[in-house]
Amino acid sequence: MKNSLFAAALLSLTLAACGGSEPAKEAAVEAASAASAASVAAEAAADAAASAATEAASATTEATVEAASEASQAATQAASAAASATDAAASAAEAATSAAN
């Protein structure tokens, strides 16, 4: 689209220079202005896309860190539960041994 606008602007400028007609000159100025506006809009859209991509990457990193932290906490709780179960089993074995004697 940007190339089409620039081509139209160049064609209008050429026609204006060759023919010397005022409407062609005005059309050339309008086409050049439209091409410039399109270029600015495209640059703004590219900046917005880059910003959105950066935000998405940041959110993904944050979610990954949070998930890793939760997994670590769950592993710690599981290890604690396993230690408690081991202690309970040892106590039960000791009680069984005492009862057998």
PDB file of N, CA and C in Angstrom:
ATOM      1  N   MET A   1       0.830  -1.184   0.000  1.00  0.00           N
ATOM      2  CA  MET A   1       0.000   0.000   0.000  1.00  0.00           C
ATOM      3  C   MET A   1       0.870   1.241   0.000  1.00  0.00           C
ATOM      4  N   LYS A   2       1.920   1.214   0.819  1.00  0.00           N
ATOM      5  CA  LYS A   2       2.796   2.363   0.899  1.00  0.00           C
ATOM      6  C   LYS A   2       3.466   2.609  -0.448  1.00  0.00           C
ATOM      7  N   ASN A   3       3.892   1.536  -1.109  1.00  0.00           N
ATOM      8  CA  ASN A   3       4.529   1.677  -2.419  1.00  0.00           C
ATOM      9  C   ASN A   3       3.559   2.252  -3.440  1.00  0.00           C
ATOM     10  N   SER A   4       2.298   1.839  -3.379  1.00  0.00           N
ATOM     11  CA  SER A   4       1.291   2.358  -4.308  1.00  0.00           C
ATOM     12  C   SER A   4       1.087   3.847  -4.109  1.00  0.00           C
ATOM     13  N   LEU A   5       1.055   4.267  -2.851  1.00  0.00           N
ATOM     14  CA  LEU A   5       0.879   5.696  -2.574  1.00  0.00           C
ATOM     15  C   LEU A   5       2.073   6.504  -3.072  1.00  0.00           C
ATOM     16  N   PHE A   6       3.270   5.980  -2.863  1.00  0.00           N
ATOM     17  CA  PHE A   6       4.455   6.680  -3.350  1.00  0.00           C
ATOM     18  C   PHE A   6       4.467   6.740  -4.879  1.00  0.00           C
ATOM     19  N   ALA A   7       4.058   5.641  -5.514  1.00  0.00           N
ATOM     20  CA  ALA A   7       4.010   5.629  -6.979  1.00  0.00           C
ATOM     21  C   ALA A   7       2.997   6.649  -7.481  1.00  0.00           C
ATOM     22  N   ALA A   8       1.848   6.719  -6.817  1.00  0.00           N
ATOM     23  CA  ALA A   8       0.837   7.706  -7.214  1.00  0.00           C
ATOM     24  C   ALA A   8       1.354   9.124  -7.017  1.00  0.00           C
ATOM     25  N   ALA A   9       2.074   9.338  -5.934  1.00  0.00           N
ATOM     26  CA  ALA A   9       2.628  10.671  -5.677  1.00  0.00           C
ATOM     27  C   ALA A   9       3.653  11.044  -6.742  1.00  0.00           C
ATOM     28  N   LEU A  10       4.513  10.101  -7.090  1.00  0.00           N
ATOM     29  CA  LEU A  10       5.524  10.374  -8.117  1.00  0.00           C
ATOM     30  C   LEU A  10       4.880  10.632  -9.470  1.00  0.00           C
ATOM     31  N   LEU A  11       3.873   9.844  -9.816  1.00  0.00           N
ATOM     32  CA  LEU A  11       3.177  10.035 -11.083  1.00  0.00           C
ATOM     33  C   LEU A  11       2.507  11.401 -11.116  1.00  0.00           C
ATOM     34  N   SER A  12       1.868  11.764 -10.020  1.00  0.00           N
ATOM     35  CA  SER A  12       1.211  13.071  -9.961  1.00  0.00           C
ATOM     36  C   SER A  12       2.217  14.203 -10.070  1.00  0.00           C
ATOM     37  N   LEU A  13       3.359  14.045  -9.410  1.00  0.00           N
ATOM     38  CA  LEU A  13       4.406  15.076  -9.498  1.00  0.00           C
ATOM     39  C   LEU A  13       4.930  15.202 -10.925  1.00  0.00           C
ATOM     40  N   THR A  14       5.110  14.047 -11.573  1.00  0.00           N
ATOM     41  CA  THR A  14       5.590  14.058 -12.959  1.00  0.00           C
ATOM     42  C   THR A  14       4.584  14.750 -13.871  1.00  0.00           C
ATOM     43  N   LEU A  15       3.319  14.393 -13.722  1.00  0.00           N
ATOM     44  CA  LEU A  15       2.281  15.024 -14.537  1.00  0.00           C
ATOM     45  C   LEU A  15       2.196  16.522 -14.257  1.00  0.00           C
ATOM     46  N   ALA A  16       2.344  16.882 -13.006  1.00  0.00           N
ATOM     47  CA  ALA A  16       2.281  18.301 -12.649  1.00  0.00           C
ATOM     48  C   ALA A  16       3.451  19.059 -13.254  1.00  0.00           C
ATOM     49  N   ALA A  17       4.630  18.441 -13.226  1.00  0.00           N
ATOM     50  CA  ALA A  17       5.816  19.107 -13.768  1.00  0.00           C
ATOM     51  C   ALA A  17       5.722  19.239 -15.287  1.00  0.00           C
ATOM     52  N   CYS A  18       5.209  18.212 -15.934  1.00  0.00           N
ATOM     53  CA  CYS A  18       5.122  18.239 -17.396  1.00  0.00           C
ATOM     54  C   CYS A  18       3.983  19.137 -17.886  1.00  0.00           C
ATOM     55  N   GLY A  19       2.842  19.010 -17.259  1.00  0.00           N
ATOM     56  CA  GLY A  19       1.664  19.720 -17.747  1.00  0.00           C
ATOM     57  C   GLY A  19       1.498  21.102 -17.152  1.00  0.00           C
ATOM     58  N   GLY A  20       2.052  21.322 -16.000  1.00  0.00           N
ATOM     59  CA  GLY A  20       1.926  22.607 -15.354  1.00  0.00           C
ATOM     60  C   GLY A  20       0.517  22.901 -14.880  1.00  0.00           C
ATOM     61  N   SER A  21      -0.307  21.882 -14.729  1.00  0.00           N
ATOM     62  CA  SER A  21      -1.687  22.130 -14.311  1.00  0.00           C
ATOM     63  C   SER A  21      -1.769  22.210 -12.790  1.00  0.00           C
ATOM     64  N   GLU A  22      -2.549  23.134 -12.316  1.00  0.00           N
ATOM     65  CA  GLU A  22      -2.703  23.335 -10.870  1.00  0.00           C
ATOM     66  C   GLU A  22      -3.393  22.150 -10.188  1.00  0.00           C
ATOM     67  N   PRO A  23      -4.461  21.570 -10.763  1.00  0.00           N
ATOM     68  CA  PRO A  23      -5.094  20.413 -10.110  1.00  0.00           C
ATOM     69  C   PRO A  23      -4.137  19.227  -9.964  1.00  0.00           C
ATOM     70  N   ALA A  24      -3.273  19.026 -10.940  1.00  0.00           N
ATOM     71  CA  ALA A  24      -2.313  17.925 -10.851  1.00  0.00           C
ATOM     72  C   ALA A  24      -1.312  18.186  -9.736  1.00  0.00           C
ATOM     73  N   LYS A  25      -0.905  19.445  -9.580  1.00  0.00           N
ATOM     74  CA  LYS A  25       0.024  19.785  -8.498  1.00  0.00           C
ATOM     75  C   LYS A  25      -0.632  19.540  -7.142  1.00  0.00           C
ATOM     76  N   GLU A  26      -1.891  19.950  -7.022  1.00  0.00           N
ATOM     77  CA  GLU A  26      -2.609  19.738  -5.768  1.00  0.00           C
ATOM     78  C   GLU A  26      -2.771  18.246  -5.473  1.00  0.00           C
ATOM     79  N   ALA A  27      -3.069  17.484  -6.515  1.00  0.00           N
ATOM     80  CA  ALA A  27      -3.213  16.035  -6.344  1.00  0.00           C
ATOM     81  C   ALA A  27      -1.891  15.419  -5.915  1.00  0.00           C
ATOM     82  N   ALA A  28      -0.792  15.932  -6.478  1.00  0.00           N
ATOM     83  CA  ALA A  28       0.530  15.416  -6.117  1.00  0.00           C
ATOM     84  C   ALA A  28       0.834  15.710  -4.655  1.00  0.00           C
ATOM     85  N   VAL A  29       0.510  16.917  -4.217  1.00  0.00           N
ATOM     86  CA  VAL A  29       0.753  17.282  -2.819  1.00  0.00           C
ATOM     87  C   VAL A  29      -0.096  16.412  -1.896  1.00  0.00           C
ATOM     88  N   GLU A  30      -1.361  16.198  -2.254  1.00  0.00           N
ATOM     89  CA  GLU A  30      -2.242  15.355  -1.444  1.00  0.00           C
ATOM     90  C   GLU A  30      -1.744  13.912  -1.403  1.00  0.00           C
ATOM     91  N   ALA A  31      -1.275  13.409  -2.544  1.00  0.00           N
ATOM     92  CA  ALA A  31      -0.765  12.035  -2.589  1.00  0.00           C
ATOM     93  C   ALA A  31       0.492  11.897  -1.737  1.00  0.00           C
ATOM     94  N   ALA A  32       1.362  12.898  -1.806  1.00  0.00           N
ATOM     95  CA  ALA A  32       2.578  12.859  -0.988  1.00  0.00           C
ATOM     96  C   ALA A  32       2.222  12.916   0.493  1.00  0.00           C
ATOM     97  N   SER A  33       1.237  13.731   0.828  1.00  0.00           N
ATOM     98  CA  SER A  33       0.796  13.832   2.219  1.00  0.00           C
ATOM     99  C   SER A  33       0.197  12.515   2.698  1.00  0.00           C
ATOM    100  N   ALA A  34      -0.609  11.885   1.840  1.00  0.00           N
ATOM    101  CA  ALA A  34      -1.206  10.596   2.193  1.00  0.00           C
ATOM    102  C   ALA A  34      -0.132   9.526   2.364  1.00  0.00           C
ATOM    103  N   ALA A  35       0.878   9.561   1.504  1.00  0.00           N
ATOM    104  CA  ALA A  35       1.966   8.587   1.613  1.00  0.00           C
ATOM    105  C   ALA A  35       2.726   8.785   2.917  1.00  0.00           C
ATOM    106  N   SER A  36       2.945  10.035   3.277  1.00  0.00           N
ATOM    107  CA  SER A  36       3.638  10.325   4.532  1.00  0.00           C
ATOM    108  C   SER A  36       2.814   9.862   5.725  1.00  0.00           C
ATOM    109  N   ALA A  37       1.511  10.132   5.686  1.00  0.00           N
ATOM    110  CA  ALA A  37       0.634   9.702   6.781  1.00  0.00           C
ATOM    111  C   ALA A  37       0.611   8.181   6.892  1.00  0.00           C
ATOM    112  N   ALA A  38       0.585   7.502   5.750  1.00  0.00           N
ATOM    113  CA  ALA A  38       0.590   6.034   5.765  1.00  0.00           C
ATOM    114  C   ALA A  38       1.891   5.503   6.352  1.00  0.00           C
ATOM    115  N   SER A  39       2.982   6.166   6.029  1.00  0.00           N
ATOM    116  CA  SER A  39       4.281   5.752   6.558  1.00  0.00           C
ATOM    117  C   SER A  39       4.327   5.915   8.076  1.00  0.00           C
ATOM    118  N   VAL A  40       3.806   7.046   8.559  1.00  0.00           N
ATOM    119  CA  VAL A  40       3.770   7.289  10.004  1.00  0.00           C
ATOM    120  C   VAL A  40       2.877   6.259  10.694  1.00  0.00           C
ATOM    121  N   ALA A  41       1.726   5.968  10.091  1.00  0.00           N
ATOM    122  CA  ALA A  41       0.812   4.983  10.673  1.00  0.00           C
ATOM    123  C   ALA A  41       1.445   3.594  10.704  1.00  0.00           C
ATOM    124  N   ALA A  42       2.162   3.240   9.644  1.00  0.00           N
ATOM    125  CA  ALA A  42       2.824   1.933   9.603  1.00  0.00           C
ATOM    126  C   ALA A  42       3.902   1.840  10.678  1.00  0.00           C
ATOM    127  N   GLU A  43       4.633   2.928  10.873  1.00  0.00           N
ATOM    128  CA  GLU A  43       5.674   2.941  11.906  1.00  0.00           C
ATOM    129  C   GLU A  43       5.050   2.815  13.294  1.00  0.00           C
ATOM    130  N   ALA A  44       3.943   3.515  13.517  1.00  0.00           N
ATOM    131  CA  ALA A  44       3.254   3.424  14.806  1.00  0.00           C
ATOM    132  C   ALA A  44       2.728   2.014  15.042  1.00  0.00           C
ATOM    133  N   ALA A  45       2.201   1.390  13.996  1.00  0.00           N
ATOM    134  CA  ALA A  45       1.701   0.017  14.126  1.00  0.00           C
ATOM    135  C   ALA A  45       2.840  -0.948  14.442  1.00  0.00           C
ATOM    136  N   ALA A  46       3.988  -0.741  13.813  1.00  0.00           N
ATOM    137  CA  ALA A  46       5.142  -1.600  14.087  1.00  0.00           C
ATOM    138  C   ALA A  46       5.609  -1.428  15.530  1.00  0.00           C
ATOM    139  N   ASP A  47       5.620  -0.181  16.012  1.00  0.00           N
ATOM    140  CA  ASP A  47       6.000   0.071  17.405  1.00  0.00           C
ATOM    141  C   ASP A  47       5.022  -0.593  18.369  1.00  0.00           C
ATOM    142  N   ALA A  48       3.734  -0.489  18.062  1.00  0.00           N
ATOM    143  CA  ALA A  48       2.715  -1.106  18.917  1.00  0.00           C
ATOM    144  C   ALA A  48       2.869  -2.620  18.935  1.00  0.00           C
ATOM    145  N   ALA A  49       3.163  -3.205  17.778  1.00  0.00           N
ATOM    146  CA  ALA A  49       3.350  -4.657  17.707  1.00  0.00           C
ATOM    147  C   ALA A  49       4.575  -5.087  18.516  1.00  0.00           C
ATOM    148  N   ALA A  50       5.652  -4.310  18.411  1.00  0.00           N
ATOM    149  CA  ALA A  50       6.859  -4.635  19.175  1.00  0.00           C
ATOM    150  C   ALA A  50       6.592  -4.523  20.672  1.00  0.00           C
ATOM    151  N   SER A  51       5.858  -3.500  21.060  1.00  0.00           N
ATOM    152  CA  SER A  51       5.517  -3.323  22.472  1.00  0.00           C
ATOM    153  C   SER A  51       4.651  -4.470  22.978  1.00  0.00           C
ATOM    154  N   ALA A  52       3.684  -4.875  22.176  1.00  0.00           N
ATOM    155  CA  ALA A  52       2.813  -5.993  22.559  1.00  0.00           C
ATOM    156  C   ALA A  52       3.613  -7.287  22.685  1.00  0.00           C
ATOM    157  N   ALA A  53       4.556  -7.487  21.783  1.00  0.00           N
ATOM    158  CA  ALA A  53       5.390  -8.693  21.843  1.00  0.00           C
ATOM    159  C   ALA A  53       6.247  -8.691  23.107  1.00  0.00           C
ATOM    160  N   THR A  54       6.782  -7.528  23.460  1.00  0.00           N
ATOM    161  CA  THR A  54       7.592  -7.412  24.675  1.00  0.00           C
ATOM    162  C   THR A  54       6.747  -7.702  25.911  1.00  0.00           C
ATOM    163  N   GLU A  55       5.537  -7.149  25.946  1.00  0.00           N
ATOM    164  CA  GLU A  55       4.638  -7.408  27.076  1.00  0.00           C
ATOM    165  C   GLU A  55       4.284  -8.883  27.180  1.00  0.00           C
ATOM    166  N   ALA A  56       4.028  -9.505  26.039  1.00  0.00           N
ATOM    167  CA  ALA A  56       3.680 -10.929  26.041  1.00  0.00           C
ATOM    168  C   ALA A  56       4.843 -11.766  26.559  1.00  0.00           C
ATOM    169  N   ALA A  57       6.055 -11.426  26.136  1.00  0.00           N
ATOM    170  CA  ALA A  57       7.234 -12.160  26.607  1.00  0.00           C
ATOM    171  C   ALA A  57       7.410 -11.980  28.108  1.00  0.00           C
ATOM    172  N   SER A  58       7.191 -10.766  28.586  1.00  0.00           N
ATOM    173  CA  SER A  58       7.310 -10.493  30.015  1.00  0.00           C
ATOM    174  C   SER A  58       6.273 -11.275  30.807  1.00  0.00           C
ATOM    175  N   ALA A  59       5.042 -11.298  30.315  1.00  0.00           N
ATOM    176  CA  ALA A  59       3.974 -12.036  30.995  1.00  0.00           C
ATOM    177  C   ALA A  59       4.274 -13.529  31.015  1.00  0.00           C
ATOM    178  N   THR A  60       4.819 -14.036  29.917  1.00  0.00           N
ATOM    179  CA  THR A  60       5.172 -15.454  29.846  1.00  0.00           C
ATOM    180  C   THR A  60       6.265 -15.782  30.852  1.00  0.00           C
ATOM    181  N   THR A  61       7.271 -14.911  30.934  1.00  0.00           N
ATOM    182  CA  THR A  61       8.364 -15.123  31.889  1.00  0.00           C
ATOM    183  C   THR A  61       7.831 -15.108  33.313  1.00  0.00           C
ATOM    184  N   GLU A  62       6.969 -14.136  33.602  1.00  0.00           N
ATOM    185  CA  GLU A  62       6.392 -14.034  34.946  1.00  0.00           C
ATOM    186  C   GLU A  62       5.577 -15.277  35.292  1.00  0.00           C
ATOM    187  N   ALA A  63       4.792 -15.754  34.348  1.00  0.00           N
ATOM    188  CA  ALA A  63       3.982 -16.951  34.583  1.00  0.00           C
ATOM    189  C   ALA A  63       4.866 -18.175  34.797  1.00  0.00           C
ATOM    190  N   THR A  64       5.965 -18.260  34.050  1.00  0.00           N
ATOM    191  CA  THR A  64       6.885 -19.387  34.192  1.00  0.00           C
ATOM    192  C   THR A  64       7.539 -19.380  35.566  1.00  0.00           C
ATOM    193  N   VAL A  65       7.974 -18.192  36.007  1.00  0.00           N
ATOM    194  CA  VAL A  65       8.608 -18.075  37.324  1.00  0.00           C
ATOM    195  C   VAL A  65       7.611 -18.436  38.418  1.00  0.00           C
ATOM    196  N   GLU A  66       6.379 -17.955  38.277  1.00  0.00           N
ATOM    197  CA  GLU A  66       5.350 -18.253  39.279  1.00  0.00           C
ATOM    198  C   GLU A  66       5.056 -19.752  39.328  1.00  0.00           C
ATOM    199  N   ALA A  67       4.951 -20.384  38.166  1.00  0.00           N
ATOM    200  CA  ALA A  67       4.680 -21.825  38.121  1.00  0.00           C
ATOM    201  C   ALA A  67       5.832 -22.612  38.740  1.00  0.00           C
ATOM    202  N   ALA A  68       7.065 -22.183  38.469  1.00  0.00           N
ATOM    203  CA  ALA A  68       8.224 -22.867  39.040  1.00  0.00           C
ATOM    204  C   ALA A  68       8.237 -22.724  40.559  1.00  0.00           C
ATOM    205  N   SER A  69       7.881 -21.551  41.041  1.00  0.00           N
ATOM    206  CA  SER A  69       7.829 -21.324  42.485  1.00  0.00           C
ATOM    207  C   SER A  69       6.771 -22.207  43.139  1.00  0.00           C
ATOM    208  N   GLU A  70       5.600 -22.285  42.510  1.00  0.00           N
ATOM    209  CA  GLU A  70       4.532 -23.132  43.049  1.00  0.00           C
ATOM    210  C   GLU A  70       4.940 -24.605  43.033  1.00  0.00           C
ATOM    211  N   ALA A  71       5.614 -25.021  41.977  1.00  0.00           N
ATOM    212  CA  ALA A  71       6.068 -26.410  41.896  1.00  0.00           C
ATOM    213  C   ALA A  71       7.101 -26.703  42.986  1.00  0.00           C
ATOM    214  N   SER A  72       7.977 -25.733  43.242  1.00  0.00           N
ATOM    215  CA  SER A  72       8.986 -25.899  44.287  1.00  0.00           C
ATOM    216  C   SER A  72       8.326 -26.015  45.660  1.00  0.00           C
ATOM    217  N   GLN A  73       7.319 -25.177  45.900  1.00  0.00           N
ATOM    218  CA  GLN A  73       6.601 -25.255  47.178  1.00  0.00           C
ATOM    219  C   GLN A  73       5.895 -26.601  47.329  1.00  0.00           C
ATOM    220  N   ALA A  74       5.293 -27.074  46.248  1.00  0.00           N
ATOM    221  CA  ALA A  74       4.610 -28.367  46.291  1.00  0.00           C
ATOM    222  C   ALA A  74       5.603 -29.492  46.564  1.00  0.00           C
ATOM    223  N   ALA A  75       6.783 -29.405  45.963  1.00  0.00           N
ATOM    224  CA  ALA A  75       7.807 -30.429  46.187  1.00  0.00           C
ATOM    225  C   ALA A  75       8.280 -30.399  47.637  1.00  0.00           C
ATOM    226  N   THR A  76       8.429 -29.203  48.190  1.00  0.00           N
ATOM    227  CA  THR A  76       8.842 -29.076  49.589  1.00  0.00           C
ATOM    228  C   THR A  76       7.792 -29.684  50.514  1.00  0.00           C
ATOM    229  N   GLN A  77       6.522 -29.404  50.231  1.00  0.00           N
ATOM    230  CA  GLN A  77       5.442 -29.975  51.042  1.00  0.00           C
ATOM    231  C   GLN A  77       5.404 -31.496  50.914  1.00  0.00           C
ATOM    232  N   ALA A  78       5.634 -31.995  49.705  1.00  0.00           N
ATOM    233  CA  ALA A  78       5.640 -33.444  49.495  1.00  0.00           C
ATOM    234  C   ALA A  78       6.796 -34.091  50.257  1.00  0.00           C
ATOM    235  N   ALA A  79       7.954 -33.440  50.248  1.00  0.00           N
ATOM    236  CA  ALA A  79       9.107 -33.980  50.971  1.00  0.00           C
ATOM    237  C   ALA A  79       8.836 -33.986  52.472  1.00  0.00           C
ATOM    238  N   SER A  80       8.198 -32.934  52.962  1.00  0.00           N
ATOM    239  CA  SER A  80       7.850 -32.862  54.383  1.00  0.00           C
ATOM    240  C   SER A  80       6.854 -33.959  54.750  1.00  0.00           C
ATOM    241  N   ALA A  81       5.868 -34.171  53.883  1.00  0.00           N
ATOM    242  CA  ALA A  81       4.884 -35.226  54.131  1.00  0.00           C
ATOM    243  C   ALA A  81       5.548 -36.597  54.105  1.00  0.00           C
ATOM    244  N   ALA A  82       6.495 -36.781  53.209  1.00  0.00           N
ATOM    245  CA  ALA A  82       7.207 -38.062  53.133  1.00  0.00           C
ATOM    246  C   ALA A  82       8.032 -38.289  54.394  1.00  0.00           C
ATOM    247  N   ALA A  83       8.666 -37.224  54.891  1.00  0.00           N
ATOM    248  CA  ALA A  83       9.447 -37.347  56.123  1.00  0.00           C
ATOM    249  C   ALA A  83       8.535 -37.698  57.295  1.00  0.00           C
ATOM    250  N   SER A  84       7.369 -37.060  57.350  1.00  0.00           N
ATOM    251  CA  SER A  84       6.409 -37.369  58.425  1.00  0.00           C
ATOM    252  C   SER A  84       5.938 -38.812  58.321  1.00  0.00           C
ATOM    253  N   ALA A  85       5.676 -39.269  57.113  1.00  0.00           N
ATOM    254  CA  ALA A  85       5.235 -40.646  56.908  1.00  0.00           C
ATOM    255  C   ALA A  85       6.328 -41.629  57.317  1.00  0.00           C
ATOM    256  N   THR A  86       7.574 -41.284  57.021  1.00  0.00           N
ATOM    257  CA  THR A  86       8.698 -42.144  57.405  1.00  0.00           C
ATOM    258  C   THR A  86       8.807 -42.222  58.923  1.00  0.00           C
ATOM    259  N   ASP A  87       8.666 -41.067  59.581  1.00  0.00           N
ATOM    260  CA  ASP A  87       8.706 -41.052  61.049  1.00  0.00           C
ATOM    261  C   ASP A  87       7.570 -41.885  61.636  1.00  0.00           C
ATOM    262  N   ALA A  88       6.385 -41.748  61.064  1.00  0.00           N
ATOM    263  CA  ALA A  88       5.232 -42.511  61.554  1.00  0.00           C
ATOM    264  C   ALA A  88       5.453 -44.006  61.355  1.00  0.00           C
ATOM    265  N   ALA A  89       6.024 -44.375  60.218  1.00  0.00           N
ATOM    266  CA  ALA A  89       6.298 -45.792  59.957  1.00  0.00           C
ATOM    267  C   ALA A  89       7.335 -46.327  60.937  1.00  0.00           C
ATOM    268  N   ALA A  90       8.350 -45.516  61.226  1.00  0.00           N
ATOM    269  CA  ALA A  90       9.379 -45.946  62.179  1.00  0.00           C
ATOM    270  C   ALA A  90       8.774 -46.110  63.568  1.00  0.00           C
ATOM    271  N   SER A  91       7.908 -45.190  63.944  1.00  0.00           N
ATOM    272  CA  SER A  91       7.246 -45.292  65.255  1.00  0.00           C
ATOM    273  C   SER A  91       6.365 -46.530  65.317  1.00  0.00           C
ATOM    274  N   ALA A  92       5.651 -46.792  64.232  1.00  0.00           N
ATOM    275  CA  ALA A  92       4.786 -47.970  64.193  1.00  0.00           C
ATOM    276  C   ALA A  92       5.610 -49.245  64.274  1.00  0.00           C
ATOM    277  N   ALA A  93       6.741 -49.258  63.595  1.00  0.00           N
ATOM    278  CA  ALA A  93       7.606 -50.444  63.632  1.00  0.00           C
ATOM    279  C   ALA A  93       8.167 -50.637  65.032  1.00  0.00           C
ATOM    280  N   GLU A  94       8.536 -49.549  65.673  1.00  0.00           N
ATOM    281  CA  GLU A  94       9.073 -49.626  67.035  1.00  0.00           C
ATOM    282  C   GLU A  94       7.993 -50.122  68.001  1.00  0.00           C
ATOM    283  N   ALA A  95       6.777 -49.610  67.817  1.00  0.00           N
ATOM    284  CA  ALA A  95       5.677 -50.046  68.679  1.00  0.00           C
ATOM    285  C   ALA A  95       5.371 -51.521  68.454  1.00  0.00           C
ATOM    286  N   ALA A  96       5.433 -51.952  67.217  1.00  0.00           N
ATOM    287  CA  ALA A  96       5.174 -53.359  66.912  1.00  0.00           C
ATOM    288  C   ALA A  96       6.252 -54.235  67.523  1.00  0.00           C
ATOM    289  N   THR A  97       7.490 -53.773  67.470  1.00  0.00           N
ATOM    290  CA  THR A  97       8.596 -54.537  68.051  1.00  0.00           C
ATOM    291  C   THR A  97       8.430 -54.619  69.566  1.00  0.00           C
ATOM    292  N   SER A  98       8.064 -53.511  70.173  1.00  0.00           N
ATOM    293  CA  SER A  98       7.859 -53.493  71.629  1.00  0.00           C
ATOM    294  C   SER A  98       6.704 -54.409  72.020  1.00  0.00           C
ATOM    295  N   ALA A  99       5.657 -54.392  71.235  1.00  0.00           N
ATOM    296  CA  ALA A  99       4.497 -55.226  71.539  1.00  0.00           C
ATOM    297  C   ALA A  99       4.824 -56.701  71.363  1.00  0.00           C
ATOM    298  N   ALA A 100       5.686 -57.006  70.440  1.00  0.00           N
ATOM    299  CA  ALA A 100       6.049 -58.397  70.185  1.00  0.00           C
ATOM    300  C   ALA A 100       6.927 -58.930  71.305  1.00  0.00           C
ATOM    301  N   ASN A 101       7.669 -58.082  71.934  1.00  0.00           N
ATOM    302  CA  ASN A 101       8.565 -58.538  73.005  1.00  0.00           C
ATOM    303  C   ASN A 101       7.806 -58.572  74.270  1.00  0.00           C
TER     304      ASN A 101
END
